[in-house]
Amino acid sequence: MGINPKEKAQKSFIKQEISQPSSIPFTAELNHNLQAMKEIIGHNSDVLFRQFKAGPLKWNAAVVYVDGLVDKMALVEQVIKPLMQDQGILNPQNINVNALNNSIMDSVVCCAEVKEVLSLDDCVHEVLSGNAALFMEGTANVFILGLTEGKERAIEEPLTEAVVRGPRDGFVENLRSSTVLLRRRIKDPGFTIINYTVGRRSRTNLSLMYIRGLTNPELVKEVQERVERIDIDVILESGEIEQLIEDNVLSPFPQAQNTERPDRVVSALMQGRVVLMTDGTPFALIVPVTFNILMTSPEDYYERWLPASLIRILRTGAAFIALFLPALYIALISYNHGLIPAKLVISIAAGREGVPFPSIIEALIMEVTLELLREAGLRLPKPIGQAVGIVGGLVIGQAAVQAAIVSPIMVIVVALTAISSFAFPQYGAGIAVRILRFAMMISAAVLGLYGIILFYILITVHLVKLKSFGVYYMSPFTPLLPKDWKDSFIRLPTRILKRRPEMNKAQDRTRQ
């Protein structure tokens, strides 16, 4: 048998337009629409095309969905069965196309979420996102049915952020489930969620959130512009979004705050900041961010102001220890012996007797070993990883001292540095200090205390110049914002914190 010329031309038309699916409008012919869908996603074994007869006149209809993403029971009970059992509403002799569309949406299909699309690209995106598409003969409108199956990880306590006091729920990989956790906490009608789709191939859902009437509109506009400029094939995690929208790609310091804790996100929104959440990851991004924010924890506001202030001071001291202690050891041992008390010099000299390496090599051996143990502890299963970190540190440290490869004082220095680096409430800030610590050690080995001072000046200059979405990284100290000092290295009583931070330029500055 020969091929029907009309059918041949129709297939040719579909193949020509496949390269630009967004420009393909649906027609009133069911077979044409289904063929267009099959050309795009029909090669997938998990994409199912279910054709059936609807109404008393046996209208041709079809549903397209991805097996495993759609709730099949709901699809049968709420869509296919009502259409097949309809006894009069779907009558082409009594209603026109517009009335037909309204009848399907209002009187036949029982889904809670139903919308219409007109283009092939929109339909393909909805199907691959977990919705079902309903095609009817005689109408160019395709009905998208919200029947996504709700299989997801249970809401649990965040693993990367220990909760001392406060709510113990954390975000999950499902974007809508995560936004529900925020809706439960924020009843303000100004709480706004704007949806985007990023990634040309992954088509990942991304939500931008802020409080309308509180957040600075210029900040919202800036974040929107950066999100809309993203042009990449695949987005799998919010960390990729962070790298694509940050101000300075060469800076070791994070320019967006990431968190799994809903209470931290709510607090940020109420300060006038903007939040980005990506489907497929439990980590939310908060912008802008400052160094002072990275050194705070939600528990600081749940405890009374005196213990909270003490803990913040301890964190600041830990940051300086983690950055400077190994470098100071190298500088004092190699160059500036006169700054060490005489009795301590004798003790250090006795401990270093027989050590064949200079102080910089000694410090690098121990610091690199520490980083390897830390990385191994993260990658191994949790029970094994903890044992490797503790036992490995003890065994290697003791063996290195007995073999006279390193001195006992070096083991103490590395241990204090490691403990201090764990005091950071934000993982990203801790990584930045770990990177800079090695550069600081090399500067100390080359120029002694002068090298430490020069490198510290370079870090300070960089931090003073660095911005995060228009906000200076060292706010509220540079530029000077004395009113924001009430909630910086120390936190004054809550009843005194009556206004929101000035650096965010919130429209509504009054908190209480």
Protein backbone atom coordinates (compact mmCIF):
# COMPACT_ATOMS: atom_id res chain seq x y z
CA MET A 1 0.00 0.00 0.00
CA GLY A 2 1.22 3.52 -0.75
CA ILE A 3 1.45 6.23 1.88
CA ASN A 4 -1.36 8.74 1.91
CA PRO A 5 0.09 12.06 0.55
CA LYS A 6 -1.81 14.03 3.19
CA GLU A 7 -0.45 11.82 5.96
CA LYS A 8 3.07 12.06 4.52
CA ALA A 9 2.89 15.86 4.41
CA GLN A 10 1.57 15.97 7.98
CA LYS A 11 4.51 13.87 9.28
CA SER A 12 6.95 16.02 7.34
CA PHE A 13 5.39 19.14 8.84
CA ILE A 14 5.77 17.72 12.37
CA LYS A 15 9.43 16.74 11.85
CA GLN A 16 10.28 20.18 10.46
CA GLU A 17 8.81 21.94 13.46
CA ILE A 18 10.28 19.58 16.09
CA SER A 19 13.48 21.64 16.25
CA GLN A 20 11.41 24.58 17.55
CA PRO A 21 8.77 22.87 19.75
CA SER A 22 7.78 26.11 21.47
CA SER A 23 6.44 27.43 18.14
CA ILE A 24 4.21 24.42 17.43
CA PRO A 25 0.54 25.12 18.22
CA PHE A 26 -1.82 22.22 18.75
CA THR A 27 -4.61 21.58 16.27
CA ALA A 28 -8.12 20.20 16.65
CA GLU A 29 -6.95 16.82 15.25
CA LEU A 30 -6.15 14.36 18.03
CA ASN A 31 -3.88 12.14 15.92
CA HIS A 32 -1.81 15.12 14.81
CA ASN A 33 -1.30 16.25 18.40
CA LEU A 34 -0.39 12.78 19.65
CA GLN A 35 2.03 12.29 16.77
CA ALA A 36 3.74 15.54 17.66
CA MET A 37 4.10 14.39 21.28
CA LYS A 38 5.45 11.00 20.19
CA GLU A 39 8.08 12.67 18.02
CA ILE A 40 9.39 14.49 21.09
CA ILE A 41 9.03 12.02 23.98
CA GLY A 42 7.46 8.89 22.49
CA HIS A 43 10.80 7.06 22.40
CA ASN A 44 10.80 6.84 26.22
CA SER A 45 9.49 3.54 27.57
CA ASP A 46 8.16 5.23 30.71
CA VAL A 47 6.05 7.78 28.79
CA LEU A 48 2.63 6.22 28.31
CA PHE A 49 -0.08 7.17 25.78
CA ARG A 50 -3.54 5.95 26.84
CA GLN A 51 -6.27 6.40 24.22
CA PHE A 52 -9.97 5.83 25.01
CA LYS A 53 -13.53 6.80 24.00
CA ALA A 54 -15.30 9.54 25.95
CA GLY A 55 -18.99 10.35 26.26
CA PRO A 56 -22.05 8.71 24.69
CA LEU A 57 -20.82 9.58 21.18
CA LYS A 58 -17.47 7.86 21.79
CA TRP A 59 -15.25 10.86 21.29
CA ASN A 60 -11.60 10.08 20.78
CA ALA A 61 -9.52 11.12 23.78
CA ALA A 62 -6.07 10.34 25.17
CA VAL A 63 -3.94 10.97 28.22
CA VAL A 64 -0.15 11.21 28.18
CA TYR A 65 1.86 10.79 31.37
CA VAL A 66 5.14 9.49 32.78
CA ASP A 67 4.87 6.17 34.57
CA GLY A 68 5.92 6.57 38.20
CA LEU A 69 5.42 10.33 38.35
CA VAL A 70 1.61 10.30 38.05
CA ASP A 71 -0.83 8.78 40.52
CA LYS A 72 -2.47 6.14 38.30
CA MET A 73 -5.39 5.51 40.64
CA ALA A 74 -6.27 9.21 40.71
CA LEU A 75 -5.89 9.37 36.92
CA VAL A 76 -8.42 6.56 36.46
CA GLU A 77 -10.89 7.70 39.11
CA GLN A 78 -10.79 11.46 38.48
CA VAL A 79 -10.22 11.66 34.72
CA ILE A 80 -10.66 8.53 32.59
CA LYS A 81 -13.69 7.04 34.34
CA PRO A 82 -15.71 10.32 34.47
CA LEU A 83 -15.03 10.94 30.78
CA MET A 84 -15.93 7.41 29.70
CA GLN A 85 -19.10 7.33 31.82
CA ASP A 86 -20.33 10.82 30.86
CA GLN A 87 -23.90 10.62 29.55
CA GLY A 88 -24.59 13.97 27.92
CA ILE A 89 -22.24 16.80 28.72
CA LEU A 90 -19.76 15.90 25.96
CA ASN A 91 -22.14 16.30 23.02
CA PRO A 92 -20.62 18.05 19.99
CA GLN A 93 -24.05 18.72 18.51
CA ASN A 94 -25.11 20.87 21.46
CA ILE A 95 -21.95 22.76 22.43
CA ASN A 96 -19.20 24.62 20.65
CA VAL A 97 -15.47 24.27 21.27
CA ASN A 98 -15.33 26.88 24.06
CA ALA A 99 -18.28 25.32 25.82
CA LEU A 100 -16.66 21.91 25.39
CA ASN A 101 -13.48 23.11 27.12
CA ASN A 102 -15.47 24.63 29.95
CA SER A 103 -17.54 21.47 30.36
CA ILE A 104 -14.44 19.29 30.65
CA MET A 105 -12.90 21.56 33.26
CA ASP A 106 -16.06 22.36 35.23
CA SER A 107 -18.35 19.36 34.96
CA VAL A 108 -16.45 16.20 34.01
CA VAL A 109 -12.84 16.08 35.18
CA CYS A 110 -12.60 15.90 38.98
CA CYS A 111 -8.97 17.03 39.44
CA ALA A 112 -8.24 19.82 41.89
CA GLU A 113 -5.65 21.32 39.51
CA VAL A 114 -6.57 21.72 35.84
CA LYS A 115 -5.16 24.21 33.37
CA GLU A 116 -4.98 24.58 29.60
CA VAL A 117 -1.92 24.86 27.36
CA LEU A 118 -1.79 25.57 23.63
CA SER A 119 1.81 24.78 22.62
CA LEU A 120 3.79 21.58 22.34
CA ASP A 121 6.73 22.88 24.39
CA ASP A 122 4.53 23.77 27.38
CA CYS A 123 2.77 20.41 27.23
CA VAL A 124 6.02 18.42 27.09
CA HIS A 125 7.39 20.37 30.05
CA GLU A 126 4.27 19.69 32.13
CA VAL A 127 4.26 15.97 31.32
CA LEU A 128 7.94 15.58 32.19
CA SER A 129 7.31 17.52 35.41
CA GLY A 130 4.92 14.83 36.62
CA ASN A 131 1.54 16.04 35.39
CA ALA A 132 -0.83 14.27 32.98
CA ALA A 133 -1.97 15.78 29.67
CA LEU A 134 -5.52 15.22 28.39
CA PHE A 135 -6.15 15.46 24.63
CA MET A 136 -9.65 15.63 23.15
CA GLU A 137 -10.72 15.35 19.54
CA GLY A 138 -12.13 18.62 18.22
CA THR A 139 -10.22 21.04 20.45
CA ALA A 140 -6.71 22.51 20.15
CA ASN A 141 -6.55 23.02 23.92
CA VAL A 142 -4.68 20.43 25.98
CA PHE A 143 -5.67 20.02 29.62
CA ILE A 144 -2.87 19.65 32.17
CA LEU A 145 -3.96 17.64 35.19
CA GLY A 146 -2.16 18.02 38.51
CA LEU A 147 -1.86 14.35 39.46
CA THR A 148 1.76 14.19 40.58
CA GLU A 149 2.38 11.21 42.85
CA GLY A 150 3.58 12.32 46.29
CA LYS A 151 6.58 10.06 46.90
CA GLU A 152 9.28 11.96 48.78
CA ARG A 153 11.62 11.83 51.72
CA ALA A 154 10.02 12.42 55.09
CA ILE A 155 10.61 15.77 56.81
CA GLU A 156 13.46 15.23 59.25
CA GLU A 157 15.95 17.19 61.33
CA PRO A 158 18.65 18.80 59.12
CA LEU A 159 21.83 16.72 59.02
CA THR A 160 24.25 19.54 58.18
CA GLU A 161 22.99 22.03 60.78
CA ALA A 162 22.75 20.75 64.33
CA VAL A 163 19.72 22.04 66.21
CA VAL A 164 20.42 22.91 69.85
CA ARG A 165 17.17 24.74 70.48
CA GLY A 166 14.41 25.41 68.00
CA PRO A 167 12.22 23.57 65.46
CA ARG A 168 13.62 20.27 64.26
CA ASP A 169 12.11 20.11 60.78
CA GLY A 170 14.19 20.61 57.66
CA PHE A 171 13.59 21.15 53.97
CA VAL A 172 13.23 18.17 51.62
CA GLU A 173 13.98 17.69 47.94
CA ASN A 174 10.40 18.41 46.86
CA LEU A 175 10.07 22.16 46.25
CA ARG A 176 6.38 22.42 47.11
CA SER A 177 6.78 20.49 50.35
CA SER A 178 9.56 22.89 51.35
CA THR A 179 7.53 26.00 50.57
CA VAL A 180 4.68 24.57 52.67
CA LEU A 181 7.01 24.62 55.69
CA LEU A 182 7.43 28.36 55.12
CA ARG A 183 3.73 29.01 54.54
CA ARG A 184 2.94 27.43 57.90
CA ARG A 185 5.22 29.95 59.58
CA ILE A 186 4.43 33.07 57.54
CA LYS A 187 0.74 34.06 57.37
CA ASP A 188 1.55 37.46 55.84
CA PRO A 189 -0.33 37.95 52.53
CA GLY A 190 2.74 39.82 51.30
CA PHE A 191 4.78 36.60 51.30
CA THR A 192 5.42 36.25 47.57
CA ILE A 193 6.67 33.21 45.61
CA ILE A 194 7.71 33.68 41.96
CA ASN A 195 8.42 30.54 39.94
CA TYR A 196 11.11 30.18 37.28
CA THR A 197 12.35 27.34 35.10
CA VAL A 198 16.14 27.11 34.73
CA GLY A 199 18.22 24.72 32.66
CA ARG A 200 17.54 24.21 28.97
CA ARG A 201 17.44 20.43 29.33
CA SER A 202 16.76 19.78 33.02
CA ARG A 203 13.96 22.42 33.16
CA THR A 204 14.44 22.67 36.92
CA ASN A 205 11.82 24.55 38.93
CA LEU A 206 13.16 27.45 40.98
CA SER A 207 11.23 29.68 43.38
CA LEU A 208 12.17 33.23 44.35
CA MET A 209 10.64 34.34 47.67
CA TYR A 210 10.38 37.66 49.48
CA ILE A 211 7.95 39.71 51.58
CA ARG A 212 6.17 42.32 49.44
CA GLY A 213 6.02 45.65 51.22
CA LEU A 214 9.03 44.81 53.36
CA THR A 215 11.87 43.74 51.05
CA ASN A 216 13.69 46.40 49.06
CA PRO A 217 12.24 46.27 45.47
CA GLU A 218 15.68 47.04 44.00
CA LEU A 219 17.10 43.94 45.67
CA VAL A 220 14.25 41.81 44.32
CA LYS A 221 14.78 43.23 40.83
CA GLU A 222 18.53 42.54 40.97
CA VAL A 223 17.99 38.92 42.01
CA GLN A 224 15.36 38.44 39.30
CA GLU A 225 17.67 39.81 36.62
CA ARG A 226 20.50 37.49 37.65
CA VAL A 227 18.21 34.46 37.70
CA GLU A 228 16.79 35.32 34.28
CA ARG A 229 20.32 35.60 32.85
CA ILE A 230 21.11 31.97 33.74
CA ASP A 231 21.69 30.02 30.53
CA ILE A 232 22.90 26.47 31.16
CA ASP A 233 21.85 22.96 30.19
CA VAL A 234 21.36 21.37 33.60
CA ILE A 235 20.76 22.63 37.15
CA LEU A 236 20.92 19.84 39.74
CA GLU A 237 21.53 21.71 42.99
CA SER A 238 21.20 25.20 44.42
CA GLY A 239 25.00 25.40 44.65
CA GLU A 240 25.11 25.74 40.85
CA ILE A 241 22.66 28.64 41.06
CA GLU A 242 24.86 30.25 43.71
CA GLN A 243 27.91 30.10 41.44
CA LEU A 244 26.01 31.58 38.49
CA ILE A 245 24.60 34.61 40.34
CA GLU A 246 27.41 35.54 42.77
CA ASP A 247 29.26 38.87 42.48
CA ASN A 248 32.90 37.74 42.67
CA VAL A 249 33.79 34.27 41.38
CA LEU A 250 37.42 34.59 42.60
CA SER A 251 36.55 35.20 46.24
CA PRO A 252 36.92 32.28 48.68
CA PHE A 253 34.06 33.66 50.76
CA PRO A 254 30.47 32.56 50.03
CA GLN A 255 28.26 35.36 48.72
CA ALA A 256 25.00 33.52 49.36
CA GLN A 257 23.96 31.75 52.53
CA ASN A 258 22.73 28.16 52.21
CA THR A 259 20.60 26.40 54.78
CA GLU A 260 18.27 23.44 55.35
CA ARG A 261 16.47 25.13 58.26
CA PRO A 262 13.06 26.75 57.65
CA ASP A 263 13.40 28.94 60.75
CA ARG A 264 16.61 30.48 59.38
CA VAL A 265 14.86 31.22 56.07
CA VAL A 266 11.87 32.81 57.82
CA SER A 267 14.18 34.99 59.90
CA ALA A 268 16.00 36.11 56.74
CA LEU A 269 12.74 36.93 54.95
CA MET A 270 11.61 39.00 57.92
CA GLN A 271 14.89 40.94 57.77
CA GLY A 272 14.15 41.98 54.18
CA ARG A 273 16.30 39.44 52.36
CA VAL A 274 15.49 37.26 49.32
CA VAL A 275 15.40 33.45 49.24
CA LEU A 276 15.94 31.09 46.30
CA MET A 277 14.82 27.46 46.46
CA THR A 278 15.43 24.80 43.81
CA ASP A 279 13.49 21.63 43.17
CA GLY A 280 15.52 18.50 43.88
CA THR A 281 17.59 19.84 46.79
CA PRO A 282 16.82 20.68 50.44
CA PHE A 283 19.24 23.64 50.48
CA ALA A 284 17.83 27.16 50.16
CA LEU A 285 19.93 30.19 49.17
CA ILE A 286 19.59 33.48 51.06
CA VAL A 287 20.89 36.77 49.65
CA PRO A 288 22.45 39.13 50.43
CA VAL A 289 24.89 37.79 53.01
CA THR A 290 27.58 39.39 55.17
CA PHE A 291 30.43 37.95 57.21
CA ASN A 292 28.56 38.86 60.38
CA ILE A 293 25.53 36.83 59.23
CA LEU A 294 27.72 33.80 58.53
CA MET A 295 28.90 33.89 62.13
CA THR A 296 25.39 33.78 63.60
CA SER A 297 23.01 30.90 64.27
CA PRO A 298 19.22 30.80 64.79
CA GLU A 299 19.84 29.62 68.36
CA ASP A 300 21.38 33.03 69.10
CA TYR A 301 17.87 34.48 69.09
CA TYR A 302 16.21 31.64 70.99
CA GLU A 303 18.58 31.92 73.98
CA ARG A 304 18.80 34.90 76.32
CA TRP A 305 21.09 37.67 75.17
CA LEU A 306 23.96 37.05 77.64
CA PRO A 307 24.72 33.42 76.69
CA ALA A 308 24.04 34.23 73.03
CA SER A 309 26.56 37.09 73.12
CA LEU A 310 29.17 34.93 74.85
CA ILE A 311 28.79 32.22 72.21
CA ARG A 312 29.21 34.79 69.42
CA ILE A 313 32.42 36.09 71.03
CA LEU A 314 33.71 32.52 71.27
CA ARG A 315 32.95 31.95 67.58
CA THR A 316 34.83 35.11 66.61
CA GLY A 317 37.82 33.99 68.68
CA ALA A 318 37.65 30.54 67.09
CA ALA A 319 37.75 32.13 63.63
CA PHE A 320 40.98 33.96 64.47
CA ILE A 321 42.52 30.81 66.00
CA ALA A 322 41.60 28.71 62.95
CA LEU A 323 43.14 31.28 60.60
CA PHE A 324 46.23 32.49 62.49
CA LEU A 325 47.44 29.81 64.94
CA PRO A 326 49.47 27.56 62.57
CA ALA A 327 50.93 30.63 60.84
CA LEU A 328 51.92 32.19 64.18
CA TYR A 329 53.63 28.94 65.18
CA ILE A 330 55.64 28.92 61.95
CA ALA A 331 56.58 32.60 62.23
CA LEU A 332 57.67 32.36 65.86
CA ILE A 333 59.66 29.16 65.38
CA SER A 334 61.36 30.24 62.14
CA TYR A 335 61.91 34.00 62.54
CA ASN A 336 60.73 35.66 65.72
CA HIS A 337 62.19 33.56 68.55
CA GLY A 338 62.56 36.60 70.80
CA LEU A 339 58.79 36.96 71.16
CA ILE A 340 58.49 33.58 72.89
CA PRO A 341 59.03 33.45 76.69
CA ALA A 342 62.34 31.80 77.64
CA LYS A 343 60.82 28.81 79.45
CA LEU A 344 58.47 28.13 76.57
CA VAL A 345 61.37 28.33 74.10
CA ILE A 346 63.22 25.65 76.04
CA SER A 347 60.14 23.43 76.11
CA ILE A 348 59.51 23.85 72.37
CA ALA A 349 63.19 23.25 71.57
CA ALA A 350 63.17 20.04 73.59
CA GLY A 351 60.06 18.84 71.77
CA ARG A 352 61.53 19.63 68.35
CA GLU A 353 64.78 17.85 69.03
CA GLY A 354 65.29 15.26 66.33
CA VAL A 355 62.54 16.63 64.03
CA PRO A 356 64.16 16.62 60.55
CA PHE A 357 61.80 19.12 58.89
CA PRO A 358 61.51 22.90 59.14
CA SER A 359 58.37 24.25 60.82
CA ILE A 360 56.51 24.94 57.55
CA ILE A 361 56.93 21.36 56.32
CA GLU A 362 55.95 20.06 59.74
CA ALA A 363 52.82 22.21 59.77
CA LEU A 364 51.85 21.29 56.20
CA ILE A 365 52.22 17.56 56.93
CA MET A 366 49.86 17.78 59.90
CA GLU A 367 47.37 20.17 58.28
CA VAL A 368 47.12 18.14 55.06
CA THR A 369 46.71 14.96 57.13
CA LEU A 370 43.92 16.63 59.10
CA GLU A 371 42.12 17.70 55.92
CA LEU A 372 42.42 14.18 54.49
CA LEU A 373 40.96 12.68 57.67
CA ARG A 374 38.13 15.21 57.61
CA GLU A 375 37.31 14.49 53.98
CA ALA A 376 37.47 10.73 54.52
CA GLY A 377 35.13 11.05 57.49
CA LEU A 378 32.59 12.88 55.31
CA ARG A 379 32.68 10.39 52.41
CA LEU A 380 32.55 7.18 54.45
CA PRO A 381 29.32 5.89 56.02
CA LYS A 382 28.50 7.91 59.12
CA PRO A 383 29.41 5.36 61.87
CA ILE A 384 32.66 4.43 60.10
CA GLY A 385 33.49 8.04 59.27
CA GLN A 386 33.34 9.12 62.90
CA ALA A 387 35.62 6.26 63.94
CA VAL A 388 38.11 7.06 61.17
CA GLY A 389 38.24 10.73 62.17
CA ILE A 390 38.80 10.09 65.88
CA VAL A 391 41.01 6.99 65.75
CA GLY A 392 42.95 8.20 62.72
CA GLY A 393 43.76 11.52 64.35
CA LEU A 394 44.91 9.91 67.61
CA VAL A 395 46.95 7.14 65.98
CA ILE A 396 48.62 9.29 63.33
CA GLY A 397 49.39 12.11 65.77
CA GLN A 398 50.92 9.80 68.39
CA ALA A 399 52.86 7.82 65.78
CA ALA A 400 54.21 11.00 64.17
CA VAL A 401 55.46 12.30 67.53
CA GLN A 402 57.11 8.99 68.44
CA ALA A 403 58.78 8.83 65.02
CA ALA A 404 60.11 12.39 65.55
CA ILE A 405 58.46 13.55 62.33
CA VAL A 406 56.57 16.33 64.12
CA SER A 407 56.87 17.90 67.55
CA PRO A 408 54.27 17.55 70.34
CA ILE A 409 53.59 21.31 70.26
CA MET A 410 52.68 21.00 66.56
CA VAL A 411 50.10 18.33 67.38
CA ILE A 412 48.57 20.67 69.99
CA VAL A 413 48.49 23.55 67.48
CA VAL A 414 46.76 21.40 64.83
CA ALA A 415 44.26 20.06 67.35
CA LEU A 416 43.31 23.56 68.53
CA THR A 417 43.01 24.69 64.92
CA ALA A 418 40.73 21.77 64.05
CA ILE A 419 38.49 22.33 67.06
CA SER A 420 38.22 26.05 66.26
CA SER A 421 37.33 25.38 62.62
CA PHE A 422 34.36 23.26 63.76
CA ALA A 423 32.90 26.24 65.66
CA PHE A 424 31.67 27.93 62.45
CA PRO A 425 27.86 27.76 62.22
CA GLN A 426 28.09 27.91 58.40
CA TYR A 427 30.04 25.27 56.46
CA GLY A 428 30.89 27.68 53.62
CA ALA A 429 32.58 30.17 55.95
CA GLY A 430 34.64 27.35 57.49
CA ILE A 431 35.86 26.25 54.05
CA ALA A 432 36.99 29.81 53.24
CA VAL A 433 39.05 29.98 56.44
CA ARG A 434 40.56 26.54 55.72
CA ILE A 435 41.70 27.73 52.29
CA LEU A 436 43.15 30.98 53.60
CA ARG A 437 44.93 29.19 56.46
CA PHE A 438 47.31 27.48 54.00
CA ALA A 439 48.06 30.78 52.25
CA MET A 440 48.66 32.39 55.66
CA MET A 441 51.08 29.60 56.61
CA ILE A 442 53.11 30.11 53.41
CA SER A 443 53.23 33.89 54.03
CA ALA A 444 54.51 33.25 57.56
CA ALA A 445 57.18 30.86 56.25
CA VAL A 446 58.43 33.50 53.76
CA LEU A 447 58.29 36.72 55.81
CA GLY A 448 57.48 35.73 59.38
CA LEU A 449 55.17 38.05 61.30
CA TYR A 450 55.45 40.62 58.50
CA GLY A 451 54.00 38.04 56.12
CA ILE A 452 51.09 37.37 58.47
CA ILE A 453 50.35 41.09 58.80
CA LEU A 454 50.59 41.71 55.05
CA PHE A 455 48.32 38.78 54.23
CA TYR A 456 45.83 39.86 56.89
CA ILE A 457 45.75 43.33 55.31
CA LEU A 458 45.06 41.77 51.91
CA ILE A 459 42.16 39.71 53.35
CA THR A 460 40.75 42.80 55.08
CA VAL A 461 40.95 44.89 51.88
CA HIS A 462 39.23 42.12 49.93
CA LEU A 463 36.44 41.81 52.50
CA VAL A 464 35.91 45.57 52.63
CA LYS A 465 35.53 45.74 48.84
CA LEU A 466 33.46 42.56 48.47
CA LYS A 467 29.71 42.93 47.93
CA SER A 468 26.80 40.54 47.97
CA PHE A 469 23.92 41.83 45.84
CA GLY A 470 24.82 45.45 46.56
CA VAL A 471 25.44 44.97 50.30
CA TYR A 472 29.00 45.31 51.59
CA TYR A 473 30.35 42.07 53.04
CA MET A 474 31.69 43.75 56.18
CA SER A 475 28.45 45.55 57.03
CA PRO A 476 27.64 46.99 59.54
CA PHE A 477 31.30 47.92 60.21
CA THR A 478 32.23 49.03 56.68
CA PRO A 479 30.39 51.21 55.89
CA LEU A 480 29.65 52.28 59.45
CA LEU A 481 26.08 51.49 60.47
CA PRO A 482 26.16 51.94 64.27
CA LYS A 483 22.45 51.15 64.64
CA ASP A 484 23.12 47.61 63.40
CA TRP A 485 25.88 46.99 65.96
CA LYS A 486 23.21 45.90 68.44
CA ASP A 487 23.13 42.55 66.61
CA SER A 488 26.74 41.91 65.57
CA PHE A 489 29.54 40.41 67.69
CA ILE A 490 27.20 40.68 70.65
CA ARG A 491 23.41 40.57 70.71
CA LEU A 492 21.55 42.99 72.89
CA PRO A 493 18.20 42.02 74.52
CA THR A 494 15.38 41.32 72.08
CA ARG A 495 13.26 44.21 73.39
CA ILE A 496 16.02 46.62 72.29
CA LEU A 497 16.17 45.23 68.73
CA LYS A 498 13.19 47.27 67.57
CA ARG A 499 14.31 47.93 64.00
CA ARG A 500 15.40 45.74 61.11
CA PRO A 501 19.03 45.88 59.87
CA GLU A 502 19.71 49.11 58.03
CA MET A 503 22.02 47.44 55.50
CA ASN A 504 19.10 45.57 53.84
CA LYS A 505 17.23 48.86 53.16
CA ALA A 506 13.92 47.26 54.04
CA GLN A 507 10.79 49.26 53.26
CA ASP A 508 9.39 48.56 56.73
CA ARG A 509 12.16 49.11 59.28
CA THR A 510 10.06 48.66 62.42
CA ARG A 511 10.00 45.22 64.06
CA GLN A 512 8.32 45.96 67.38
